[in-house]
Amino acid sequence: MILYELVCEHRHTFESWFRDSAAFDALAAADGLCCPVCGSARVQKALMAPRLARRKGQDAPAVPSSEAPAAVPDTPVQDGDGGAALARLGELVQAVREHVEKNCDYVGRGFADEARRIHYGEAKPRGIYGETTPDEARSLREEGVGFLAVPGRRTDS
């Protein structure tokens, strides 16, 4: 697994895990990524510093300023510590995922069809979650069907 920091065309930054770099490339080529803030499908990798392995109890090596990653302009970090903010965001995403799994109906790969049925009043309104393809997600967005992509995947399907 590899963690990438991503940025959308509107300069919103977020992180996402991928099986490998080829999985990211395939999803990006299929316009299968979307910004969790604004829904934009124009997403790319942000510049990142590598995470270097270190022995237990050893401090992280300093990164010379000439090698530090470029910051995305106009992206405020509220607490002044980007690492702590990202860790907190990860905790919040996990809490959202757990809440959804506990309180919503799992519809599996039929997510797009069921979301449409709910949107058009053909099915009882309720919270659902499941999987969909990048093309189906784009189609839902174009139809005005509201949904939110939450990182992580159900593995017991």
C-alpha atoms as a PDB file:
ATOM      1  CA  MET A   1       0.000   0.000   0.000  1.00  0.00           C
ATOM      2  CA  ILE A   2       1.124   3.530  -0.756  1.00  0.00           C
ATOM      3  CA  LEU A   3      -0.187   6.800   0.662  1.00  0.00           C
ATOM      4  CA  TYR A   4      -0.336   9.771  -1.698  1.00  0.00           C
ATOM      5  CA  GLU A   5      -1.127  13.360  -0.874  1.00  0.00           C
ATOM      6  CA  LEU A   6      -3.452  14.595  -3.609  1.00  0.00           C
ATOM      7  CA  VAL A   7      -4.578  18.050  -4.718  1.00  0.00           C
ATOM      8  CA  CYS A   8      -7.561  19.072  -6.846  1.00  0.00           C
ATOM      9  CA  GLU A   9      -7.802  21.915  -9.345  1.00  0.00           C
ATOM     10  CA  HIS A  10      -9.200  24.126  -6.555  1.00  0.00           C
ATOM     11  CA  ARG A  11      -6.130  23.462  -4.355  1.00  0.00           C
ATOM     12  CA  HIS A  12      -7.923  21.265  -1.807  1.00  0.00           C
ATOM     13  CA  THR A  13      -5.452  18.712  -0.455  1.00  0.00           C
ATOM     14  CA  PHE A  14      -6.241  15.258   0.873  1.00  0.00           C
ATOM     15  CA  GLU A  15      -4.612  11.860   1.241  1.00  0.00           C
ATOM     16  CA  SER A  16      -5.597   8.489  -0.146  1.00  0.00           C
ATOM     17  CA  TRP A  17      -4.174   4.978  -0.018  1.00  0.00           C
ATOM     18  CA  PHE A  18      -3.547   2.943  -3.186  1.00  0.00           C
ATOM     19  CA  ARG A  19      -2.482  -0.652  -3.724  1.00  0.00           C
ATOM     20  CA  ASP A  20       0.524   0.607  -5.698  1.00  0.00           C
ATOM     21  CA  SER A  21       1.498   3.456  -8.030  1.00  0.00           C
ATOM     22  CA  ALA A  22      -0.042   1.623 -11.013  1.00  0.00           C
ATOM     23  CA  ALA A  23      -3.407   1.539  -9.197  1.00  0.00           C
ATOM     24  CA  PHE A  24      -3.234   5.305  -8.741  1.00  0.00           C
ATOM     25  CA  ASP A  25      -2.274   5.818 -12.393  1.00  0.00           C
ATOM     26  CA  ALA A  26      -5.159   3.636 -13.637  1.00  0.00           C
ATOM     27  CA  LEU A  27      -7.714   5.379 -11.438  1.00  0.00           C
ATOM     28  CA  ALA A  28      -6.434   8.833 -12.410  1.00  0.00           C
ATOM     29  CA  ALA A  29      -6.505   7.952 -16.126  1.00  0.00           C
ATOM     30  CA  ALA A  30     -10.143   6.821 -15.776  1.00  0.00           C
ATOM     31  CA  ASP A  31     -11.086  10.061 -13.958  1.00  0.00           C
ATOM     32  CA  GLY A  32     -11.907   7.859 -10.985  1.00  0.00           C
ATOM     33  CA  LEU A  33     -10.609  10.219  -8.331  1.00  0.00           C
ATOM     34  CA  CYS A  34     -12.628  13.026  -6.835  1.00  0.00           C
ATOM     35  CA  CYS A  35     -11.940  15.698  -4.269  1.00  0.00           C
ATOM     36  CA  PRO A  36     -13.853  15.017  -1.023  1.00  0.00           C
ATOM     37  CA  VAL A  37     -14.273  18.778  -0.496  1.00  0.00           C
ATOM     38  CA  CYS A  38     -15.598  20.015  -3.854  1.00  0.00           C
ATOM     39  CA  GLY A  39     -16.146  16.837  -5.907  1.00  0.00           C
ATOM     40  CA  SER A  40     -13.736  17.877  -8.669  1.00  0.00           C
ATOM     41  CA  ALA A  41     -12.437  14.963 -10.736  1.00  0.00           C
ATOM     42  CA  ARG A  42      -9.317  16.934 -11.716  1.00  0.00           C
ATOM     43  CA  VAL A  43      -6.991  15.458  -9.103  1.00  0.00           C
ATOM     44  CA  GLN A  44      -3.252  14.902  -9.181  1.00  0.00           C
ATOM     45  CA  LYS A  45      -0.450  13.929  -6.824  1.00  0.00           C
ATOM     46  CA  ALA A  46       0.878  16.762  -4.698  1.00  0.00           C
ATOM     47  CA  LEU A  47       4.582  17.125  -4.045  1.00  0.00           C
ATOM     48  CA  MET A  48       5.527  15.105  -0.976  1.00  0.00           C
ATOM     49  CA  ALA A  49       8.591  14.393   1.107  1.00  0.00           C
ATOM     50  CA  PRO A  50       9.380  10.683   1.347  1.00  0.00           C
ATOM     51  CA  ARG A  51       8.783   8.919   4.628  1.00  0.00           C
ATOM     52  CA  LEU A  52      12.086   7.397   5.613  1.00  0.00           C
ATOM     53  CA  ALA A  53      12.256   4.304   7.769  1.00  0.00           C
ATOM     54  CA  ARG A  54      14.036   4.772  11.073  1.00  0.00           C
ATOM     55  CA  ARG A  55      14.845   2.706  14.104  1.00  0.00           C
ATOM     56  CA  LYS A  56      12.518   2.775  17.091  1.00  0.00           C
ATOM     57  CA  GLY A  57      13.217   5.804  19.269  1.00  0.00           C
ATOM     58  CA  GLN A  58      15.244   7.553  16.554  1.00  0.00           C
ATOM     59  CA  ASP A  59      14.166  11.046  15.487  1.00  0.00           C
ATOM     60  CA  ALA A  60      13.131  11.641  11.892  1.00  0.00           C
ATOM     61  CA  PRO A  61      15.968  12.981   9.766  1.00  0.00           C
ATOM     62  CA  ALA A  62      15.786  16.695   8.994  1.00  0.00           C
ATOM     63  CA  VAL A  63      14.885  17.595   5.424  1.00  0.00           C
ATOM     64  CA  PRO A  64      16.982  20.475   4.097  1.00  0.00           C
ATOM     65  CA  SER A  65      14.772  23.410   3.094  1.00  0.00           C
ATOM     66  CA  SER A  66      15.893  23.157  -0.539  1.00  0.00           C
ATOM     67  CA  GLU A  67      14.391  19.637  -0.632  1.00  0.00           C
ATOM     68  CA  ALA A  68      11.223  20.407   1.322  1.00  0.00           C
ATOM     69  CA  PRO A  69       7.996  19.875  -0.614  1.00  0.00           C
ATOM     70  CA  ALA A  70       6.357  22.949  -2.103  1.00  0.00           C
ATOM     71  CA  ALA A  71       3.286  24.031  -0.169  1.00  0.00           C
ATOM     72  CA  VAL A  72      -0.005  24.331  -2.002  1.00  0.00           C
ATOM     73  CA  PRO A  73      -0.912  28.026  -1.978  1.00  0.00           C
ATOM     74  CA  ASP A  74      -4.041  29.193  -0.142  1.00  0.00           C
ATOM     75  CA  THR A  75      -4.387  25.929   1.808  1.00  0.00           C
ATOM     76  CA  PRO A  76      -4.471  26.912   5.484  1.00  0.00           C
ATOM     77  CA  VAL A  77      -3.471  24.539   8.259  1.00  0.00           C
ATOM     78  CA  GLN A  78      -5.532  25.549  11.260  1.00  0.00           C
ATOM     79  CA  ASP A  79      -3.352  24.255  14.065  1.00  0.00           C
ATOM     80  CA  GLY A  80       0.047  25.170  12.630  1.00  0.00           C
ATOM     81  CA  ASP A  81       1.080  21.494  12.593  1.00  0.00           C
ATOM     82  CA  GLY A  82       0.228  19.826   9.288  1.00  0.00           C
ATOM     83  CA  GLY A  83       1.114  16.365  10.613  1.00  0.00           C
ATOM     84  CA  ALA A  84      -1.264  16.663  13.548  1.00  0.00           C
ATOM     85  CA  ALA A  85      -3.998  18.092  11.308  1.00  0.00           C
ATOM     86  CA  LEU A  86      -3.636  15.214   8.849  1.00  0.00           C
ATOM     87  CA  ALA A  87      -3.655  12.656  11.655  1.00  0.00           C
ATOM     88  CA  ARG A  88      -6.831  14.223  13.044  1.00  0.00           C
ATOM     89  CA  LEU A  89      -8.397  14.214   9.577  1.00  0.00           C
ATOM     90  CA  GLY A  90      -7.593  10.507   9.277  1.00  0.00           C
ATOM     91  CA  GLU A  91      -9.312   9.885  12.620  1.00  0.00           C
ATOM     92  CA  LEU A  92     -12.371  11.837  11.473  1.00  0.00           C
ATOM     93  CA  VAL A  93     -12.565   9.919   8.185  1.00  0.00           C
ATOM     94  CA  GLN A  94     -12.372   6.649  10.137  1.00  0.00           C
ATOM     95  CA  ALA A  95     -15.189   7.836  12.429  1.00  0.00           C
ATOM     96  CA  VAL A  96     -17.333   8.776   9.421  1.00  0.00           C
ATOM     97  CA  ARG A  97     -16.674   5.372   7.825  1.00  0.00           C
ATOM     98  CA  GLU A  98     -17.637   3.578  11.051  1.00  0.00           C
ATOM     99  CA  HIS A  99     -20.795   5.693  11.411  1.00  0.00           C
ATOM    100  CA  VAL A 100     -21.833   4.965   7.819  1.00  0.00           C
ATOM    101  CA  GLU A 101     -21.219   1.226   8.189  1.00  0.00           C
ATOM    102  CA  LYS A 102     -23.176   1.148  11.449  1.00  0.00           C
ATOM    103  CA  ASN A 103     -26.151   3.302  10.387  1.00  0.00           C
ATOM    104  CA  CYS A 104     -26.597   2.854   6.629  1.00  0.00           C
ATOM    105  CA  ASP A 105     -27.604  -0.007   4.336  1.00  0.00           C
ATOM    106  CA  TYR A 106     -24.818  -1.721   2.415  1.00  0.00           C
ATOM    107  CA  VAL A 107     -25.929  -2.106  -1.226  1.00  0.00           C
ATOM    108  CA  GLY A 108     -22.654  -3.389  -2.656  1.00  0.00           C
ATOM    109  CA  ARG A 109     -21.930  -2.834  -6.322  1.00  0.00           C
ATOM    110  CA  GLY A 110     -25.509  -1.709  -6.877  1.00  0.00           C
ATOM    111  CA  PHE A 111     -24.777   1.649  -5.225  1.00  0.00           C
ATOM    112  CA  ALA A 112     -25.296   3.824  -8.334  1.00  0.00           C
ATOM    113  CA  ASP A 113     -28.610   2.187  -9.225  1.00  0.00           C
ATOM    114  CA  GLU A 114     -29.951   2.405  -5.669  1.00  0.00           C
ATOM    115  CA  ALA A 115     -28.756   6.012  -5.251  1.00  0.00           C
ATOM    116  CA  ARG A 116     -30.661   6.916  -8.427  1.00  0.00           C
ATOM    117  CA  ARG A 117     -33.819   5.123  -7.220  1.00  0.00           C
ATOM    118  CA  ILE A 118     -33.689   7.081  -3.960  1.00  0.00           C
ATOM    119  CA  HIS A 119     -32.925  10.364  -5.754  1.00  0.00           C
ATOM    120  CA  TYR A 120     -35.870   9.967  -8.138  1.00  0.00           C
ATOM    121  CA  GLY A 121     -38.304   8.834  -5.412  1.00  0.00           C
ATOM    122  CA  GLU A 122     -38.507   5.222  -6.611  1.00  0.00           C
ATOM    123  CA  ALA A 123     -37.104   3.820  -3.340  1.00  0.00           C
ATOM    124  CA  LYS A 124     -37.449   4.707   0.317  1.00  0.00           C
ATOM    125  CA  PRO A 125     -35.065   7.521   1.294  1.00  0.00           C
ATOM    126  CA  ARG A 126     -32.305   6.155   3.532  1.00  0.00           C
ATOM    127  CA  GLY A 127     -28.570   6.191   3.969  1.00  0.00           C
ATOM    128  CA  ILE A 128     -26.739   3.715   1.760  1.00  0.00           C
ATOM    129  CA  TYR A 129     -23.152   2.853   0.958  1.00  0.00           C
ATOM    130  CA  GLY A 130     -21.399   0.557  -1.471  1.00  0.00           C
ATOM    131  CA  GLU A 131     -19.110   0.564  -4.464  1.00  0.00           C
ATOM    132  CA  THR A 132     -19.364   2.148  -7.867  1.00  0.00           C
ATOM    133  CA  THR A 133     -17.156   2.620 -10.900  1.00  0.00           C
ATOM    134  CA  PRO A 134     -15.561   5.965 -11.762  1.00  0.00           C
ATOM    135  CA  ASP A 135     -17.898   6.275 -14.777  1.00  0.00           C
ATOM    136  CA  GLU A 136     -20.980   5.606 -12.624  1.00  0.00           C
ATOM    137  CA  ALA A 137     -19.801   8.148 -10.029  1.00  0.00           C
ATOM    138  CA  ARG A 138     -19.289  10.762 -12.742  1.00  0.00           C
ATOM    139  CA  SER A 139     -22.763  10.002 -14.121  1.00  0.00           C
ATOM    140  CA  LEU A 140     -24.339  10.365 -10.665  1.00  0.00           C
ATOM    141  CA  ARG A 141     -22.610  13.739 -10.222  1.00  0.00           C
ATOM    142  CA  GLU A 142     -23.862  14.913 -13.636  1.00  0.00           C
ATOM    143  CA  GLU A 143     -27.433  13.877 -12.731  1.00  0.00           C
ATOM    144  CA  GLY A 144     -27.277  15.816  -9.492  1.00  0.00           C
ATOM    145  CA  VAL A 145     -27.440  12.731  -7.278  1.00  0.00           C
ATOM    146  CA  GLY A 146     -25.742  13.703  -4.021  1.00  0.00           C
ATOM    147  CA  PHE A 147     -23.165  11.333  -2.578  1.00  0.00           C
ATOM    148  CA  LEU A 148     -19.853  11.459  -0.798  1.00  0.00           C
ATOM    149  CA  ALA A 149     -16.878   9.232  -1.494  1.00  0.00           C
ATOM    150  CA  VAL A 150     -15.413   8.052   1.808  1.00  0.00           C
ATOM    151  CA  PRO A 151     -11.921   6.524   1.663  1.00  0.00           C
ATOM    152  CA  GLY A 152     -11.713   2.854   2.540  1.00  0.00           C
ATOM    153  CA  ARG A 153     -13.426  -0.179   1.195  1.00  0.00           C
ATOM    154  CA  ARG A 154     -15.621  -2.895   2.607  1.00  0.00           C
ATOM    155  CA  THR A 155     -13.650  -6.136   2.306  1.00  0.00           C
ATOM    156  CA  ASP A 156     -16.269  -8.709   3.354  1.00  0.00           C
ATOM    157  CA  SER A 157     -18.368  -8.498   0.155  1.00  0.00           C
END
